[in-house]
Amino acid sequence: MVGFIGEYEATLDSKGRFLLPAGIKKQLPEAEEPVFVINRGFEKCLTVYPMQSWKPIYENISALNDFDPKVREFRRYFLNGATQIELDSAGRMLLPKSLMEHAGLEKDIVLVSAMNKLEIWDKNKYQQFFDNFSPESFSGLAAEVMARKVQP
């Protein structure tokens, strides 16, 4: 299983490419050429799944009941824009323009670990997210979310 830690800054070039940071490359499985699926995030960001993380999600979505209108709606939204990508020979990732527009990405970005995937945020929007979140709010959120944790 792939698991990421850390935050990494990068810069988009005029074509929407960025160099995948070495700190992220070190966390990828070594046995294979990295292949990713990039998709819209739940917030105004992009989500990058290594193929190893994407496959079980896709299998779960594929197994849902196609006769349920909510399933069809979820699939349309979640899979909208999902694109398989590979690094180019220089180790750069090319972001699709439609996904860049969705997340408001222009030049300076932040790649953020999100367990088995990465999120790509506009650097300013990512900073605003934390500027508007107080330590007290974070403490309350942590208490609420961690209380749901299943005990071993």
N, C-alpha and C. Protein backbone atom coordinates (compact mmCIF):
# COMPACT_ATOMS: atom_id res chain seq x y z
N MET A 1 0.84 -1.19 0.00
CA MET A 1 0.00 0.00 0.00
C MET A 1 0.88 1.24 0.00
N VAL A 2 0.49 2.20 -0.80
CA VAL A 2 1.20 3.47 -0.89
C VAL A 2 0.70 4.37 0.23
N GLY A 3 1.61 5.07 0.87
CA GLY A 3 1.25 6.06 1.87
C GLY A 3 2.20 7.24 1.76
N PHE A 4 1.66 8.43 1.77
CA PHE A 4 2.47 9.63 1.60
C PHE A 4 2.50 10.45 2.88
N ILE A 5 3.60 11.16 3.09
CA ILE A 5 3.70 12.16 4.15
C ILE A 5 4.40 13.38 3.56
N GLY A 6 4.07 14.54 4.07
CA GLY A 6 4.76 15.76 3.69
C GLY A 6 3.97 16.70 2.81
N GLU A 7 4.52 17.91 2.70
CA GLU A 7 4.02 18.96 1.82
C GLU A 7 5.19 19.40 0.95
N TYR A 8 4.91 19.63 -0.32
CA TYR A 8 5.97 19.98 -1.26
C TYR A 8 5.47 21.08 -2.18
N GLU A 9 6.28 22.10 -2.36
CA GLU A 9 5.94 23.18 -3.27
C GLU A 9 6.51 22.88 -4.65
N ALA A 10 5.80 23.34 -5.67
CA ALA A 10 6.26 23.18 -7.04
C ALA A 10 5.73 24.36 -7.85
N THR A 11 6.22 24.48 -9.06
CA THR A 11 5.82 25.57 -9.94
C THR A 11 5.37 25.00 -11.27
N LEU A 12 4.21 25.44 -11.74
CA LEU A 12 3.71 25.03 -13.04
C LEU A 12 4.37 25.87 -14.13
N ASP A 13 4.72 25.20 -15.23
CA ASP A 13 5.23 25.96 -16.37
C ASP A 13 4.04 26.39 -17.24
N SER A 14 4.31 27.03 -18.36
CA SER A 14 3.23 27.58 -19.20
C SER A 14 2.36 26.50 -19.82
N LYS A 15 2.84 25.25 -19.86
CA LYS A 15 2.05 24.15 -20.42
C LYS A 15 1.28 23.37 -19.35
N GLY A 16 1.44 23.75 -18.08
CA GLY A 16 0.75 23.05 -17.00
C GLY A 16 1.52 21.86 -16.47
N ARG A 17 2.84 21.88 -16.64
CA ARG A 17 3.68 20.78 -16.14
C ARG A 17 4.42 21.23 -14.89
N PHE A 18 4.73 20.26 -14.04
CA PHE A 18 5.58 20.52 -12.89
C PHE A 18 6.45 19.30 -12.64
N LEU A 19 7.59 19.54 -12.04
CA LEU A 19 8.51 18.47 -11.70
C LEU A 19 8.04 17.81 -10.42
N LEU A 20 7.81 16.51 -10.47
CA LEU A 20 7.38 15.80 -9.28
C LEU A 20 8.51 15.86 -8.26
N PRO A 21 8.27 16.41 -7.06
CA PRO A 21 9.35 16.56 -6.08
C PRO A 21 10.00 15.23 -5.71
N ALA A 22 11.30 15.28 -5.48
CA ALA A 22 12.07 14.09 -5.13
C ALA A 22 11.53 13.43 -3.87
N GLY A 23 11.05 14.23 -2.92
CA GLY A 23 10.50 13.67 -1.68
C GLY A 23 9.29 12.80 -1.92
N ILE A 24 8.52 13.10 -2.95
CA ILE A 24 7.37 12.26 -3.31
C ILE A 24 7.84 11.03 -4.07
N LYS A 25 8.77 11.23 -4.99
CA LYS A 25 9.29 10.10 -5.78
C LYS A 25 9.84 9.00 -4.87
N LYS A 26 10.50 9.40 -3.79
CA LYS A 26 11.08 8.43 -2.85
C LYS A 26 10.01 7.60 -2.16
N GLN A 27 8.78 8.10 -2.11
CA GLN A 27 7.70 7.39 -1.42
C GLN A 27 6.90 6.49 -2.34
N LEU A 28 7.21 6.51 -3.63
CA LEU A 28 6.51 5.66 -4.60
C LEU A 28 7.15 4.28 -4.64
N PRO A 29 6.37 3.25 -4.96
CA PRO A 29 6.95 1.91 -5.11
C PRO A 29 8.03 1.93 -6.19
N GLU A 30 9.17 1.30 -5.92
CA GLU A 30 10.31 1.33 -6.85
C GLU A 30 10.18 0.35 -8.00
N ALA A 31 9.40 -0.66 -7.88
CA ALA A 31 9.38 -1.75 -8.85
C ALA A 31 8.74 -1.38 -10.18
N GLU A 32 8.04 -0.28 -10.25
CA GLU A 32 7.30 0.01 -11.48
C GLU A 32 7.41 1.49 -11.85
N GLU A 33 7.18 1.78 -13.13
CA GLU A 33 7.09 3.17 -13.57
C GLU A 33 5.83 3.77 -12.98
N PRO A 34 5.92 4.95 -12.38
CA PRO A 34 4.72 5.51 -11.75
C PRO A 34 3.65 5.91 -12.76
N VAL A 35 2.45 5.40 -12.53
CA VAL A 35 1.26 5.76 -13.30
C VAL A 35 0.25 6.27 -12.29
N PHE A 36 -0.42 7.36 -12.64
CA PHE A 36 -1.35 8.00 -11.72
C PHE A 36 -2.70 8.22 -12.38
N VAL A 37 -3.71 8.41 -11.54
CA VAL A 37 -4.99 8.93 -12.00
C VAL A 37 -5.18 10.24 -11.25
N ILE A 38 -5.43 11.29 -12.01
CA ILE A 38 -5.66 12.60 -11.41
C ILE A 38 -7.13 12.94 -11.60
N ASN A 39 -7.69 13.59 -10.59
CA ASN A 39 -9.12 13.80 -10.55
C ASN A 39 -9.42 15.08 -9.77
N ARG A 40 -10.65 15.56 -9.90
CA ARG A 40 -11.08 16.68 -9.06
C ARG A 40 -11.13 16.23 -7.61
N GLY A 41 -10.73 17.11 -6.71
CA GLY A 41 -10.84 16.81 -5.29
C GLY A 41 -12.22 17.18 -4.78
N PHE A 42 -12.50 16.83 -3.55
CA PHE A 42 -13.77 17.21 -2.96
C PHE A 42 -13.82 18.72 -2.73
N GLU A 43 -12.69 19.32 -2.38
CA GLU A 43 -12.59 20.77 -2.29
C GLU A 43 -12.01 21.27 -3.61
N LYS A 44 -11.70 22.55 -3.69
CA LYS A 44 -11.14 23.13 -4.92
C LYS A 44 -9.65 22.80 -5.02
N CYS A 45 -9.39 21.53 -5.23
CA CYS A 45 -8.03 21.03 -5.40
C CYS A 45 -8.11 19.84 -6.34
N LEU A 46 -6.96 19.28 -6.67
CA LEU A 46 -6.91 18.05 -7.46
C LEU A 46 -6.43 16.93 -6.59
N THR A 47 -6.84 15.72 -6.90
CA THR A 47 -6.41 14.54 -6.17
C THR A 47 -5.63 13.65 -7.13
N VAL A 48 -4.46 13.23 -6.70
CA VAL A 48 -3.60 12.37 -7.52
C VAL A 48 -3.47 11.02 -6.81
N TYR A 49 -3.95 9.99 -7.49
CA TYR A 49 -3.89 8.64 -6.96
C TYR A 49 -2.83 7.84 -7.70
N PRO A 50 -1.87 7.25 -7.01
CA PRO A 50 -1.04 6.25 -7.70
C PRO A 50 -1.97 5.13 -8.14
N MET A 51 -1.68 4.50 -9.26
CA MET A 51 -2.57 3.47 -9.80
C MET A 51 -2.89 2.40 -8.75
N GLN A 52 -1.92 2.08 -7.92
CA GLN A 52 -2.11 1.09 -6.86
C GLN A 52 -3.23 1.51 -5.89
N SER A 53 -3.38 2.80 -5.65
CA SER A 53 -4.45 3.30 -4.77
C SER A 53 -5.77 3.47 -5.52
N TRP A 54 -5.70 3.79 -6.82
CA TRP A 54 -6.90 4.04 -7.61
C TRP A 54 -7.69 2.76 -7.87
N LYS A 55 -7.00 1.67 -8.17
CA LYS A 55 -7.69 0.44 -8.58
C LYS A 55 -8.76 -0.02 -7.59
N PRO A 56 -8.47 -0.12 -6.28
CA PRO A 56 -9.54 -0.57 -5.36
C PRO A 56 -10.72 0.41 -5.28
N ILE A 57 -10.45 1.70 -5.41
CA ILE A 57 -11.53 2.69 -5.39
C ILE A 57 -12.41 2.48 -6.62
N TYR A 58 -11.78 2.33 -7.77
CA TYR A 58 -12.51 2.13 -9.02
C TYR A 58 -13.32 0.83 -8.98
N GLU A 59 -12.74 -0.21 -8.42
CA GLU A 59 -13.47 -1.48 -8.29
C GLU A 59 -14.68 -1.32 -7.40
N ASN A 60 -14.54 -0.59 -6.30
CA ASN A 60 -15.68 -0.35 -5.40
C ASN A 60 -16.78 0.44 -6.10
N ILE A 61 -16.40 1.46 -6.84
CA ILE A 61 -17.38 2.27 -7.56
C ILE A 61 -18.05 1.44 -8.66
N SER A 62 -17.28 0.60 -9.32
CA SER A 62 -17.84 -0.25 -10.38
C SER A 62 -18.84 -1.25 -9.84
N ALA A 63 -18.68 -1.65 -8.58
CA ALA A 63 -19.57 -2.65 -7.99
C ALA A 63 -20.88 -2.06 -7.47
N LEU A 64 -21.01 -0.75 -7.46
CA LEU A 64 -22.23 -0.12 -6.96
C LEU A 64 -23.40 -0.38 -7.91
N ASN A 65 -24.60 -0.29 -7.39
CA ASN A 65 -25.83 -0.57 -8.12
C ASN A 65 -26.12 0.51 -9.16
N ASP A 66 -26.00 0.17 -10.43
CA ASP A 66 -26.21 1.12 -11.51
C ASP A 66 -27.68 1.55 -11.63
N PHE A 67 -28.58 0.85 -10.99
CA PHE A 67 -30.00 1.21 -11.04
C PHE A 67 -30.35 2.29 -10.03
N ASP A 68 -29.43 2.63 -9.17
CA ASP A 68 -29.66 3.66 -8.15
C ASP A 68 -29.24 5.02 -8.74
N PRO A 69 -30.17 5.98 -8.83
CA PRO A 69 -29.82 7.29 -9.41
C PRO A 69 -28.72 8.02 -8.64
N LYS A 70 -28.64 7.83 -7.34
CA LYS A 70 -27.59 8.47 -6.55
C LYS A 70 -26.22 7.90 -6.91
N VAL A 71 -26.17 6.61 -7.21
CA VAL A 71 -24.92 5.99 -7.64
C VAL A 71 -24.47 6.60 -8.96
N ARG A 72 -25.39 6.71 -9.89
CA ARG A 72 -25.04 7.29 -11.20
C ARG A 72 -24.58 8.73 -11.05
N GLU A 73 -25.25 9.49 -10.20
CA GLU A 73 -24.87 10.88 -9.96
C GLU A 73 -23.47 10.96 -9.33
N PHE A 74 -23.23 10.12 -8.33
CA PHE A 74 -21.92 10.09 -7.69
C PHE A 74 -20.83 9.73 -8.70
N ARG A 75 -21.07 8.69 -9.49
CA ARG A 75 -20.08 8.28 -10.49
C ARG A 75 -19.75 9.43 -11.44
N ARG A 76 -20.78 10.09 -11.94
CA ARG A 76 -20.55 11.19 -12.88
C ARG A 76 -19.68 12.26 -12.26
N TYR A 77 -20.01 12.64 -11.03
CA TYR A 77 -19.26 13.70 -10.39
C TYR A 77 -17.84 13.24 -10.06
N PHE A 78 -17.74 12.09 -9.44
CA PHE A 78 -16.43 11.62 -8.97
C PHE A 78 -15.49 11.30 -10.12
N LEU A 79 -15.99 10.70 -11.18
CA LEU A 79 -15.14 10.29 -12.30
C LEU A 79 -14.97 11.39 -13.35
N ASN A 80 -15.72 12.49 -13.19
CA ASN A 80 -15.66 13.59 -14.15
C ASN A 80 -14.24 14.17 -14.20
N GLY A 81 -13.59 14.01 -15.33
CA GLY A 81 -12.25 14.56 -15.51
C GLY A 81 -11.13 13.62 -15.11
N ALA A 82 -11.46 12.47 -14.52
CA ALA A 82 -10.41 11.54 -14.12
C ALA A 82 -9.55 11.18 -15.33
N THR A 83 -8.25 11.31 -15.17
CA THR A 83 -7.32 11.13 -16.28
C THR A 83 -6.11 10.33 -15.83
N GLN A 84 -5.75 9.34 -16.61
CA GLN A 84 -4.54 8.57 -16.32
C GLN A 84 -3.35 9.35 -16.87
N ILE A 85 -2.32 9.51 -16.05
CA ILE A 85 -1.13 10.24 -16.48
C ILE A 85 0.13 9.53 -16.03
N GLU A 86 1.19 9.77 -16.77
CA GLU A 86 2.51 9.25 -16.44
C GLU A 86 3.48 10.42 -16.45
N LEU A 87 4.61 10.25 -15.81
CA LEU A 87 5.63 11.28 -15.83
C LEU A 87 6.31 11.26 -17.20
N ASP A 88 6.72 12.45 -17.67
CA ASP A 88 7.47 12.47 -18.92
C ASP A 88 8.93 12.11 -18.64
N SER A 89 9.76 12.12 -19.67
CA SER A 89 11.14 11.68 -19.52
C SER A 89 11.95 12.57 -18.57
N ALA A 90 11.48 13.79 -18.32
CA ALA A 90 12.15 14.69 -17.40
C ALA A 90 11.59 14.58 -15.98
N GLY A 91 10.62 13.68 -15.75
CA GLY A 91 10.03 13.53 -14.42
C GLY A 91 8.94 14.54 -14.12
N ARG A 92 8.35 15.12 -15.18
CA ARG A 92 7.29 16.11 -14.99
C ARG A 92 5.92 15.49 -15.17
N MET A 93 4.96 16.07 -14.49
CA MET A 93 3.57 15.65 -14.61
C MET A 93 2.82 16.78 -15.32
N LEU A 94 2.05 16.43 -16.34
CA LEU A 94 1.26 17.39 -17.09
C LEU A 94 -0.18 17.35 -16.59
N LEU A 95 -0.66 18.50 -16.11
CA LEU A 95 -2.02 18.58 -15.60
C LEU A 95 -2.98 18.96 -16.73
N PRO A 96 -4.10 18.26 -16.85
CA PRO A 96 -5.10 18.65 -17.86
C PRO A 96 -5.63 20.05 -17.55
N LYS A 97 -5.82 20.85 -18.59
CA LYS A 97 -6.27 22.24 -18.43
C LYS A 97 -7.60 22.34 -17.68
N SER A 98 -8.55 21.43 -17.99
CA SER A 98 -9.86 21.51 -17.33
C SER A 98 -9.73 21.28 -15.82
N LEU A 99 -8.83 20.40 -15.43
CA LEU A 99 -8.63 20.16 -14.00
C LEU A 99 -7.90 21.33 -13.34
N MET A 100 -6.96 21.93 -14.07
CA MET A 100 -6.28 23.12 -13.54
C MET A 100 -7.28 24.23 -13.28
N GLU A 101 -8.22 24.41 -14.22
CA GLU A 101 -9.24 25.44 -14.05
C GLU A 101 -10.12 25.15 -12.85
N HIS A 102 -10.50 23.89 -12.67
CA HIS A 102 -11.34 23.50 -11.53
C HIS A 102 -10.69 23.91 -10.21
N ALA A 103 -9.39 23.68 -10.08
CA ALA A 103 -8.68 23.94 -8.82
C ALA A 103 -8.10 25.35 -8.76
N GLY A 104 -8.23 26.12 -9.84
CA GLY A 104 -7.68 27.48 -9.86
C GLY A 104 -6.16 27.50 -9.81
N LEU A 105 -5.53 26.53 -10.47
CA LEU A 105 -4.07 26.45 -10.46
C LEU A 105 -3.50 27.31 -11.58
N GLU A 106 -2.53 28.16 -11.22
CA GLU A 106 -1.91 29.01 -12.22
C GLU A 106 -0.40 28.84 -12.25
N LYS A 107 0.27 29.01 -11.13
CA LYS A 107 1.73 28.92 -11.15
C LYS A 107 2.27 28.17 -9.93
N ASP A 108 2.12 28.75 -8.75
CA ASP A 108 2.68 28.14 -7.53
C ASP A 108 1.67 27.19 -6.92
N ILE A 109 2.10 25.94 -6.72
CA ILE A 109 1.22 24.90 -6.19
C ILE A 109 1.87 24.24 -4.99
N VAL A 110 1.04 23.53 -4.23
CA VAL A 110 1.51 22.73 -3.10
C VAL A 110 0.95 21.33 -3.28
N LEU A 111 1.83 20.34 -3.18
CA LEU A 111 1.42 18.94 -3.19
C LEU A 111 1.38 18.49 -1.74
N VAL A 112 0.24 17.97 -1.32
CA VAL A 112 0.00 17.65 0.08
C VAL A 112 -0.34 16.17 0.22
N SER A 113 0.28 15.52 1.17
CA SER A 113 -0.04 14.11 1.40
C SER A 113 -1.45 14.00 1.94
N ALA A 114 -2.15 12.97 1.49
CA ALA A 114 -3.51 12.69 1.95
C ALA A 114 -3.66 11.18 2.06
N MET A 115 -2.83 10.60 2.88
CA MET A 115 -2.76 9.16 3.12
C MET A 115 -2.27 8.43 1.87
N ASN A 116 -3.15 7.79 1.11
CA ASN A 116 -2.73 6.99 -0.04
C ASN A 116 -2.81 7.75 -1.35
N LYS A 117 -2.95 9.06 -1.26
CA LYS A 117 -3.06 9.91 -2.44
C LYS A 117 -2.43 11.25 -2.11
N LEU A 118 -2.34 12.10 -3.13
CA LEU A 118 -1.84 13.46 -2.97
C LEU A 118 -2.92 14.44 -3.36
N GLU A 119 -2.90 15.61 -2.77
CA GLU A 119 -3.75 16.70 -3.21
C GLU A 119 -2.86 17.79 -3.79
N ILE A 120 -3.34 18.44 -4.85
CA ILE A 120 -2.62 19.57 -5.43
C ILE A 120 -3.48 20.81 -5.24
N TRP A 121 -2.93 21.79 -4.55
CA TRP A 121 -3.62 23.03 -4.23
C TRP A 121 -2.88 24.22 -4.82
N ASP A 122 -3.62 25.27 -5.17
CA ASP A 122 -3.01 26.56 -5.42
C ASP A 122 -2.36 26.99 -4.10
N LYS A 123 -1.13 27.45 -4.15
CA LYS A 123 -0.39 27.78 -2.93
C LYS A 123 -1.12 28.80 -2.07
N ASN A 124 -1.66 29.85 -2.67
CA ASN A 124 -2.36 30.88 -1.90
C ASN A 124 -3.63 30.35 -1.26
N LYS A 125 -4.41 29.56 -2.00
CA LYS A 125 -5.65 29.00 -1.45
C LYS A 125 -5.35 28.05 -0.30
N TYR A 126 -4.28 27.29 -0.44
CA TYR A 126 -3.89 26.35 0.63
C TYR A 126 -3.51 27.13 1.88
N GLN A 127 -2.76 28.21 1.72
CA GLN A 127 -2.38 29.03 2.86
C GLN A 127 -3.60 29.68 3.51
N GLN A 128 -4.54 30.15 2.69
CA GLN A 128 -5.77 30.75 3.23
C GLN A 128 -6.57 29.76 4.05
N PHE A 129 -6.58 28.51 3.62
CA PHE A 129 -7.28 27.45 4.35
C PHE A 129 -6.79 27.41 5.80
N PHE A 130 -5.48 27.46 5.99
CA PHE A 130 -4.93 27.40 7.34
C PHE A 130 -5.01 28.73 8.07
N ASP A 131 -4.96 29.83 7.34
CA ASP A 131 -5.09 31.13 7.98
C ASP A 131 -6.47 31.33 8.60
N ASN A 132 -7.49 30.67 8.02
CA ASN A 132 -8.86 30.82 8.49
C ASN A 132 -9.29 29.74 9.47
N PHE A 133 -8.35 28.94 9.95
CA PHE A 133 -8.67 27.82 10.83
C PHE A 133 -7.88 27.98 12.12
N SER A 134 -8.57 28.22 13.22
CA SER A 134 -7.90 28.50 14.49
C SER A 134 -7.47 27.21 15.18
N PRO A 135 -6.51 27.31 16.10
CA PRO A 135 -6.12 26.13 16.88
C PRO A 135 -7.31 25.53 17.64
N GLU A 136 -8.23 26.39 18.10
CA GLU A 136 -9.40 25.90 18.82
C GLU A 136 -10.31 25.10 17.89
N SER A 137 -10.49 25.60 16.68
CA SER A 137 -11.31 24.89 15.70
C SER A 137 -10.70 23.53 15.37
N PHE A 138 -9.37 23.53 15.21
CA PHE A 138 -8.70 22.27 14.90
C PHE A 138 -8.83 21.28 16.04
N SER A 139 -8.71 21.77 17.27
CA SER A 139 -8.83 20.90 18.43
C SER A 139 -10.22 20.28 18.50
N GLY A 140 -11.25 21.08 18.25
CA GLY A 140 -12.61 20.56 18.26
C GLY A 140 -12.85 19.55 17.15
N LEU A 141 -12.33 19.84 15.97
CA LEU A 141 -12.46 18.91 14.85
C LEU A 141 -11.75 17.59 15.15
N ALA A 142 -10.55 17.68 15.70
CA ALA A 142 -9.78 16.48 16.04
C ALA A 142 -10.53 15.63 17.06
N ALA A 143 -11.09 16.26 18.08
CA ALA A 143 -11.83 15.51 19.10
C ALA A 143 -13.04 14.81 18.49
N GLU A 144 -13.75 15.52 17.60
CA GLU A 144 -14.94 14.92 16.97
C GLU A 144 -14.57 13.76 16.04
N VAL A 145 -13.59 13.98 15.18
CA VAL A 145 -13.23 12.96 14.20
C VAL A 145 -12.57 11.76 14.87
N MET A 146 -11.68 11.99 15.78
CA MET A 146 -10.96 10.87 16.40
C MET A 146 -11.85 10.08 17.35
N ALA A 147 -12.94 10.68 17.83
CA ALA A 147 -13.89 9.94 18.66
C ALA A 147 -14.60 8.86 17.85
N ARG A 148 -14.66 9.04 16.52
CA ARG A 148 -15.30 8.06 15.63
C ARG A 148 -14.40 6.88 15.33
N LYS A 149 -13.14 7.00 15.67
CA LYS A 149 -12.17 5.96 15.35
C LYS A 149 -12.59 4.61 15.95
N VAL A 150 -12.51 3.60 15.15
CA VAL A 150 -12.85 2.26 15.62
C VAL A 150 -11.70 1.76 16.49
N GLN A 151 -12.02 1.35 17.68
CA GLN A 151 -11.00 0.86 18.61
C GLN A 151 -10.63 -0.58 18.28
N PRO A 152 -9.35 -0.94 18.37
CA PRO A 152 -8.93 -2.33 18.05
C PRO A 152 -9.46 -3.33 19.05
